[in-house]
């Protein structure tokens, strides 16, 4: 779970993802079923992040900047 969390966090916090305010995450062969489901559950419960399941089984995360501060969303792995 730690490795998956770090990968997802890195993708979300990447400067390009922060500018466009979305990122697509693909499940790797090394991502276990339980870990993937747990990560997707945590993301879907995170305020300000919209999770969309894609036809190719990838997941697209979208978010909006805080209107008051125009600050980026940051997600930290456990």
C-alpha atoms as a PDB file:
ATOM      1  CA  UNK A   1       0.000   0.000   0.000  1.00  0.00           C
ATOM      2  CA  UNK A   2       2.861   2.356   0.792  1.00  0.00           C
ATOM      3  CA  UNK A   3       4.378   2.086  -2.679  1.00  0.00           C
ATOM      4  CA  UNK A   4       0.992   2.617  -4.363  1.00  0.00           C
ATOM      5  CA  UNK A   5       0.220   5.579  -2.103  1.00  0.00           C
ATOM      6  CA  UNK A   6       3.550   7.199  -2.892  1.00  0.00           C
ATOM      7  CA  UNK A   7       3.028   6.692  -6.633  1.00  0.00           C
ATOM      8  CA  UNK A   8      -0.449   8.222  -6.551  1.00  0.00           C
ATOM      9  CA  UNK A   9       0.682  11.107  -4.333  1.00  0.00           C
ATOM     10  CA  UNK A  10       3.586  11.828  -6.658  1.00  0.00           C
ATOM     11  CA  UNK A  11       1.282  11.860  -9.681  1.00  0.00           C
ATOM     12  CA  UNK A  12      -1.239  14.192  -8.022  1.00  0.00           C
ATOM     13  CA  UNK A  13       1.420  16.562  -6.728  1.00  0.00           C
ATOM     14  CA  UNK A  14       3.316  16.687 -10.029  1.00  0.00           C
ATOM     15  CA  UNK A  15       3.515  20.307 -11.330  1.00  0.00           C
ATOM     16  CA  UNK A  16       1.736  19.455 -14.602  1.00  0.00           C
ATOM     17  CA  UNK A  17      -1.123  17.727 -12.769  1.00  0.00           C
ATOM     18  CA  UNK A  18      -1.405  20.702 -10.424  1.00  0.00           C
ATOM     19  CA  UNK A  19      -1.669  23.102 -13.359  1.00  0.00           C
ATOM     20  CA  UNK A  20      -4.258  21.069 -15.253  1.00  0.00           C
ATOM     21  CA  UNK A  21      -6.005  19.939 -12.033  1.00  0.00           C
ATOM     22  CA  UNK A  22      -6.452  16.358 -13.162  1.00  0.00           C
ATOM     23  CA  UNK A  23      -4.445  13.173 -13.467  1.00  0.00           C
ATOM     24  CA  UNK A  24      -5.111   9.684 -14.819  1.00  0.00           C
ATOM     25  CA  UNK A  25      -3.855   6.766 -12.773  1.00  0.00           C
ATOM     26  CA  UNK A  26      -3.390   3.321 -14.241  1.00  0.00           C
ATOM     27  CA  UNK A  27      -3.225   0.214 -12.148  1.00  0.00           C
ATOM     28  CA  UNK A  28       0.078  -1.623 -12.455  1.00  0.00           C
ATOM     29  CA  UNK A  29       0.471  -5.400 -12.417  1.00  0.00           C
ATOM     30  CA  UNK A  30       2.243  -5.040  -9.076  1.00  0.00           C
ATOM     31  CA  UNK A  31      -0.767  -3.281  -7.471  1.00  0.00           C
ATOM     32  CA  UNK A  32      -2.691  -5.847  -5.428  1.00  0.00           C
ATOM     33  CA  UNK A  33      -6.493  -5.955  -5.502  1.00  0.00           C
ATOM     34  CA  UNK A  34      -6.861  -5.048  -1.828  1.00  0.00           C
ATOM     35  CA  UNK A  35      -4.356  -2.187  -2.030  1.00  0.00           C
ATOM     36  CA  UNK A  36      -5.926  -0.756  -5.201  1.00  0.00           C
ATOM     37  CA  UNK A  37      -9.441  -0.876  -3.733  1.00  0.00           C
ATOM     38  CA  UNK A  38      -8.248   0.716  -0.486  1.00  0.00           C
ATOM     39  CA  UNK A  39      -6.458   3.532  -2.354  1.00  0.00           C
ATOM     40  CA  UNK A  40      -9.480   4.200  -4.580  1.00  0.00           C
ATOM     41  CA  UNK A  41     -11.735   4.222  -1.514  1.00  0.00           C
ATOM     42  CA  UNK A  42      -9.516   6.768   0.251  1.00  0.00           C
ATOM     43  CA  UNK A  43      -9.428   8.979  -2.843  1.00  0.00           C
ATOM     44  CA  UNK A  44     -13.205   8.834  -3.319  1.00  0.00           C
ATOM     45  CA  UNK A  45     -13.651   9.897   0.321  1.00  0.00           C
ATOM     46  CA  UNK A  46     -11.253  12.852  -0.007  1.00  0.00           C
ATOM     47  CA  UNK A  47     -13.046  16.200  -0.097  1.00  0.00           C
ATOM     48  CA  UNK A  48     -12.452  18.141  -3.295  1.00  0.00           C
ATOM     49  CA  UNK A  49     -11.391  15.180  -5.446  1.00  0.00           C
ATOM     50  CA  UNK A  50     -13.718  13.684  -8.055  1.00  0.00           C
ATOM     51  CA  UNK A  51     -12.937  10.109  -9.073  1.00  0.00           C
ATOM     52  CA  UNK A  52     -13.993   8.918 -12.544  1.00  0.00           C
ATOM     53  CA  UNK A  53     -13.599   5.305 -13.638  1.00  0.00           C
ATOM     54  CA  UNK A  54     -12.533   5.022 -17.274  1.00  0.00           C
ATOM     55  CA  UNK A  55     -13.392   2.310 -19.821  1.00  0.00           C
ATOM     56  CA  UNK A  56      -9.766   1.110 -19.869  1.00  0.00           C
ATOM     57  CA  UNK A  57      -9.918   0.527 -16.083  1.00  0.00           C
ATOM     58  CA  UNK A  58      -7.789   3.598 -15.345  1.00  0.00           C
ATOM     59  CA  UNK A  59      -9.022   6.255 -12.923  1.00  0.00           C
ATOM     60  CA  UNK A  60      -9.081   9.994 -13.564  1.00  0.00           C
ATOM     61  CA  UNK A  61      -8.914  12.301 -10.570  1.00  0.00           C
ATOM     62  CA  UNK A  62     -10.084  15.906 -10.954  1.00  0.00           C
ATOM     63  CA  UNK A  63     -10.080  18.783  -8.497  1.00  0.00           C
ATOM     64  CA  UNK A  64     -10.555  22.523  -8.404  1.00  0.00           C
ATOM     65  CA  UNK A  65      -8.298  25.085  -6.769  1.00  0.00           C
ATOM     66  CA  UNK A  66      -9.546  26.752  -3.635  1.00  0.00           C
ATOM     67  CA  UNK A  67     -11.371  29.866  -4.884  1.00  0.00           C
ATOM     68  CA  UNK A  68     -10.045  32.057  -2.068  1.00  0.00           C
ATOM     69  CA  UNK A  69      -6.384  31.137  -2.299  1.00  0.00           C
ATOM     70  CA  UNK A  70      -5.985  29.427  -5.697  1.00  0.00           C
ATOM     71  CA  UNK A  71      -3.947  26.817  -3.895  1.00  0.00           C
ATOM     72  CA  UNK A  72      -3.292  23.314  -5.118  1.00  0.00           C
ATOM     73  CA  UNK A  73      -4.670  20.104  -3.683  1.00  0.00           C
ATOM     74  CA  UNK A  74      -2.026  18.060  -1.909  1.00  0.00           C
ATOM     75  CA  UNK A  75      -2.418  14.418  -1.092  1.00  0.00           C
ATOM     76  CA  UNK A  76       0.020  12.648   1.164  1.00  0.00           C
ATOM     77  CA  UNK A  77       0.572   8.921   1.287  1.00  0.00           C
ATOM     78  CA  UNK A  78       0.173   7.106   4.579  1.00  0.00           C
END
